[in-house]
Structures are given as structure tokens and as C-alpha cells.
């Protein structure tokens, strides 16, 4: 049972971080392939990002639950899972902020700009705000990835403390 729980924890982190690592590659390929139609590319990448966020939220909750029950089952020592749990909570919070805060605001700006941000006036308030949110979204995704890598290191440390 201990092996199963550690495997599920690893799998949850792998799914989330793997998606975070490969998302920029998918976005780049999408925009390269659909270069003349950046609106279509943005729509596809936006949907991929929403899917990535749901994967992350579910994987994060699974990881959090597993980290919470691990000490009671003798898998990790209680103190060794506190830091990874905190990082997973921060990752979930950042992902939820992006999913339910940033993306809807970007969508409102896109619609207010006439439906396609790439054809809108670059000096319009909606376009400027959209670009600001896009930059923020990128920063949030990078932060989630770095927090995830730190979580992996701390979980590995918990393995050594356990041993």
C-alpha cells in the first residue's frame, strides 16, 4: 500500500509538471503552424491552457490528499511533508487564479476588442490590458512550474528522511 500511495503521488506530480513543461512547446508549435491565423492559434492555446489548469487542479488535490495521509500510514514523517504540502497549496492557488481570474478577464478583453485581439488597435485599453494579463499568465505558469520542481525535491527529501 505504501508503494501504491508513493506511486500515485509521483504520478500526480508527473502529470502536472509534465503538462507545465510541454505546454510552451505545444503553444509554440500551434502558433508556428497557424502563423497567418493568430486568432485561431490563440483560441486553441487558450483551450489547451484551460485543460492544463483542470489537470493541474485535480492532480494537485490528489497530491495534497496523498501528502496529508502519508504520515498516518508511515510513508513519510509528518514534518517532512509540511513544506511540500504548502508548495502544492500555492501551486493550486496560482492555477486557480489563472483559470478563474486571468483567463476570464483576457476573454472579456478579447471580446471588447472586437473578438480578435491581434486585429485590434494596439493602443486600445482592452489590448493593453489583455497583453498585461497575458504576461501575468506566463509569470504564473512559470511560478507553478518552479514551485512544482521544488515540491519534487522536497518529496525526494522526505523519502530520504523516511529512510
Protein backbone atom coordinates (compact mmCIF):
# COMPACT_ATOMS: atom_id res chain seq x y z
CA UNK A 1 0.00 0.00 0.00
CA UNK A 2 2.88 2.35 0.76
CA UNK A 3 4.31 1.79 -2.69
CA UNK A 4 0.93 2.45 -4.28
CA UNK A 5 0.50 5.76 -2.45
CA UNK A 6 4.04 6.92 -3.28
CA UNK A 7 3.45 5.90 -6.89
CA UNK A 8 0.17 7.84 -7.05
CA UNK A 9 1.87 10.89 -5.51
CA UNK A 10 4.66 10.71 -8.07
CA UNK A 11 2.17 10.23 -10.88
CA UNK A 12 0.13 13.27 -9.79
CA UNK A 13 3.25 15.44 -9.77
CA UNK A 14 4.47 13.99 -13.08
CA UNK A 15 1.16 14.67 -14.81
CA UNK A 16 1.02 18.26 -13.61
CA UNK A 17 4.66 19.17 -14.16
CA UNK A 18 4.82 17.29 -17.45
CA UNK A 19 1.90 19.33 -18.74
CA UNK A 20 3.55 22.54 -17.48
CA UNK A 21 6.83 21.66 -19.22
CA UNK A 22 5.28 20.69 -22.55
CA UNK A 23 2.62 23.41 -22.73
CA UNK A 24 5.00 26.09 -24.09
CA UNK A 25 6.15 23.65 -26.77
CA UNK A 26 2.54 22.98 -27.81
CA UNK A 27 1.83 26.71 -27.85
CA UNK A 28 4.89 27.41 -29.99
CA UNK A 29 4.01 24.65 -32.45
CA UNK A 30 0.41 25.87 -32.64
CA UNK A 31 1.42 29.47 -33.34
CA UNK A 32 4.08 28.37 -35.84
CA UNK A 33 1.68 26.09 -37.69
CA UNK A 34 -1.14 28.64 -37.72
CA UNK A 35 1.09 31.70 -38.20
CA UNK A 36 -1.26 33.51 -40.57
CA UNK A 37 -4.24 33.00 -38.24
CA UNK A 38 -3.09 34.03 -34.78
CA UNK A 39 -6.69 34.31 -33.61
CA UNK A 40 -7.27 30.58 -34.26
CA UNK A 41 -3.92 29.74 -32.68
CA UNK A 42 -4.79 31.81 -29.60
CA UNK A 43 -8.16 30.09 -29.32
CA UNK A 44 -6.52 26.65 -29.45
CA UNK A 45 -3.82 27.59 -26.96
CA UNK A 46 -6.43 29.11 -24.64
CA UNK A 47 -8.40 25.87 -24.64
CA UNK A 48 -5.21 23.87 -24.04
CA UNK A 49 -4.40 26.13 -21.10
CA UNK A 50 -7.84 25.58 -19.59
CA UNK A 51 -7.33 21.82 -19.92
CA UNK A 52 -3.86 22.12 -18.39
CA UNK A 53 -5.32 24.00 -15.45
CA UNK A 54 -8.00 21.38 -14.78
CA UNK A 55 -5.35 18.66 -14.97
CA UNK A 56 -3.25 20.63 -12.51
CA UNK A 57 -6.09 21.32 -10.10
CA UNK A 58 -7.09 17.65 -9.98
CA UNK A 59 -3.51 16.37 -9.79
CA UNK A 60 -2.77 18.96 -7.11
CA UNK A 61 -5.71 17.90 -4.97
CA UNK A 62 -4.68 14.25 -5.34
CA UNK A 63 -1.10 15.10 -4.35
CA UNK A 64 -2.29 17.18 -1.41
CA UNK A 65 -4.52 14.39 -0.12
CA UNK A 66 -1.77 11.82 -0.50
CA UNK A 67 0.75 14.04 1.28
CA UNK A 68 -1.77 14.60 4.08
CA UNK A 69 -2.40 10.90 4.68
CA UNK A 70 1.18 9.73 4.11
CA UNK A 71 2.38 10.33 7.70
CA UNK A 72 -0.54 8.43 9.22
CA UNK A 73 0.34 5.41 7.09
CA UNK A 74 4.03 5.64 7.97
CA UNK A 75 5.11 6.64 4.47
CA UNK A 76 6.72 9.96 5.42
CA UNK A 77 7.40 11.74 8.67
CA UNK A 78 4.89 14.47 9.48
CA UNK A 79 7.36 17.35 9.44
CA UNK A 80 8.87 16.29 6.11
CA UNK A 81 5.57 16.71 4.23
CA UNK A 82 4.65 20.15 5.55
CA UNK A 83 6.80 22.09 3.06
CA UNK A 84 5.69 20.03 0.02
CA UNK A 85 2.06 20.44 1.11
CA UNK A 86 2.49 24.21 1.38
CA UNK A 87 4.04 24.35 -2.10
CA UNK A 88 1.22 22.25 -3.57
CA UNK A 89 -1.33 24.60 -1.96
CA UNK A 90 0.49 27.57 -3.53
CA UNK A 91 0.50 25.78 -6.91
CA UNK A 92 -3.23 25.10 -6.66
CA UNK A 93 -3.90 28.72 -5.66
CA UNK A 94 -1.83 30.09 -8.56
CA UNK A 95 -3.51 27.73 -11.01
CA UNK A 96 -6.98 28.64 -9.75
CA UNK A 97 -6.11 32.35 -10.02
CA UNK A 98 -5.06 31.87 -13.63
CA UNK A 99 -8.05 29.68 -14.51
CA UNK A 100 -10.77 31.68 -12.80
CA UNK A 101 -9.25 35.17 -12.73
CA UNK A 102 -6.80 35.82 -15.53
CA UNK A 103 -8.33 33.77 -18.36
CA UNK A 104 -11.89 35.13 -17.97
CA UNK A 105 -10.52 38.69 -17.86
CA UNK A 106 -8.50 38.06 -21.01
CA UNK A 107 -11.60 36.69 -22.70
CA UNK A 108 -13.57 39.81 -21.73
CA UNK A 109 -10.81 42.00 -23.16
CA UNK A 110 -10.73 39.96 -26.38
CA UNK A 111 -14.49 40.30 -26.86
CA UNK A 112 -14.40 44.02 -26.01
CA UNK A 113 -11.61 44.48 -28.57
CA UNK A 114 -13.85 43.10 -31.31
CA UNK A 115 -13.29 39.36 -30.97
CA UNK A 116 -9.73 39.09 -32.25
CA UNK A 117 -7.04 40.74 -30.17
CA UNK A 118 -4.48 40.52 -32.99
CA UNK A 119 -6.55 42.78 -35.26
CA UNK A 120 -7.47 45.28 -32.54
CA UNK A 121 -5.80 48.64 -32.09
CA UNK A 122 -2.58 48.03 -30.14
CA UNK A 123 -3.15 51.21 -28.13
CA UNK A 124 -6.69 50.41 -27.05
CA UNK A 125 -7.24 49.86 -23.31
CA UNK A 126 -8.55 46.33 -23.94
CA UNK A 127 -5.47 45.32 -25.94
CA UNK A 128 -3.09 46.83 -23.40
CA UNK A 129 -4.92 45.09 -20.55
CA UNK A 130 -5.02 41.80 -22.49
CA UNK A 131 -1.26 41.94 -23.05
CA UNK A 132 -0.67 42.75 -19.37
CA UNK A 133 -2.80 39.74 -18.37
CA UNK A 134 -1.01 37.54 -20.90
CA UNK A 135 2.33 38.49 -19.33
CA UNK A 136 0.90 37.80 -15.86
CA UNK A 137 -0.41 34.42 -17.03
CA UNK A 138 3.04 33.49 -18.30
CA UNK A 139 4.57 34.51 -14.98
CA UNK A 140 2.01 32.45 -13.03
CA UNK A 141 2.67 29.35 -15.15
CA UNK A 142 6.43 29.76 -14.63
CA UNK A 143 5.88 30.12 -10.89
CA UNK A 144 3.75 26.95 -10.81
CA UNK A 145 6.48 25.06 -12.65
CA UNK A 146 9.21 26.27 -10.27
CA UNK A 147 7.08 25.50 -7.22
CA UNK A 148 6.43 22.06 -8.68
CA UNK A 149 10.12 21.38 -9.16
CA UNK A 150 10.77 22.47 -5.58
CA UNK A 151 7.96 20.14 -4.46
CA UNK A 152 9.61 17.21 -6.24
CA UNK A 153 12.89 17.98 -4.48
CA UNK A 154 11.15 18.20 -1.10
CA UNK A 155 9.26 14.94 -1.67
CA UNK A 156 12.56 13.28 -2.58
CA UNK A 157 13.99 14.71 0.62
CA UNK A 158 11.05 13.28 2.54
CA UNK A 159 11.96 9.88 1.07
CA UNK A 160 15.50 10.16 2.47
CA UNK A 161 14.24 11.36 5.86
CA UNK A 162 11.86 8.39 5.94
CA UNK A 163 14.71 6.00 5.25
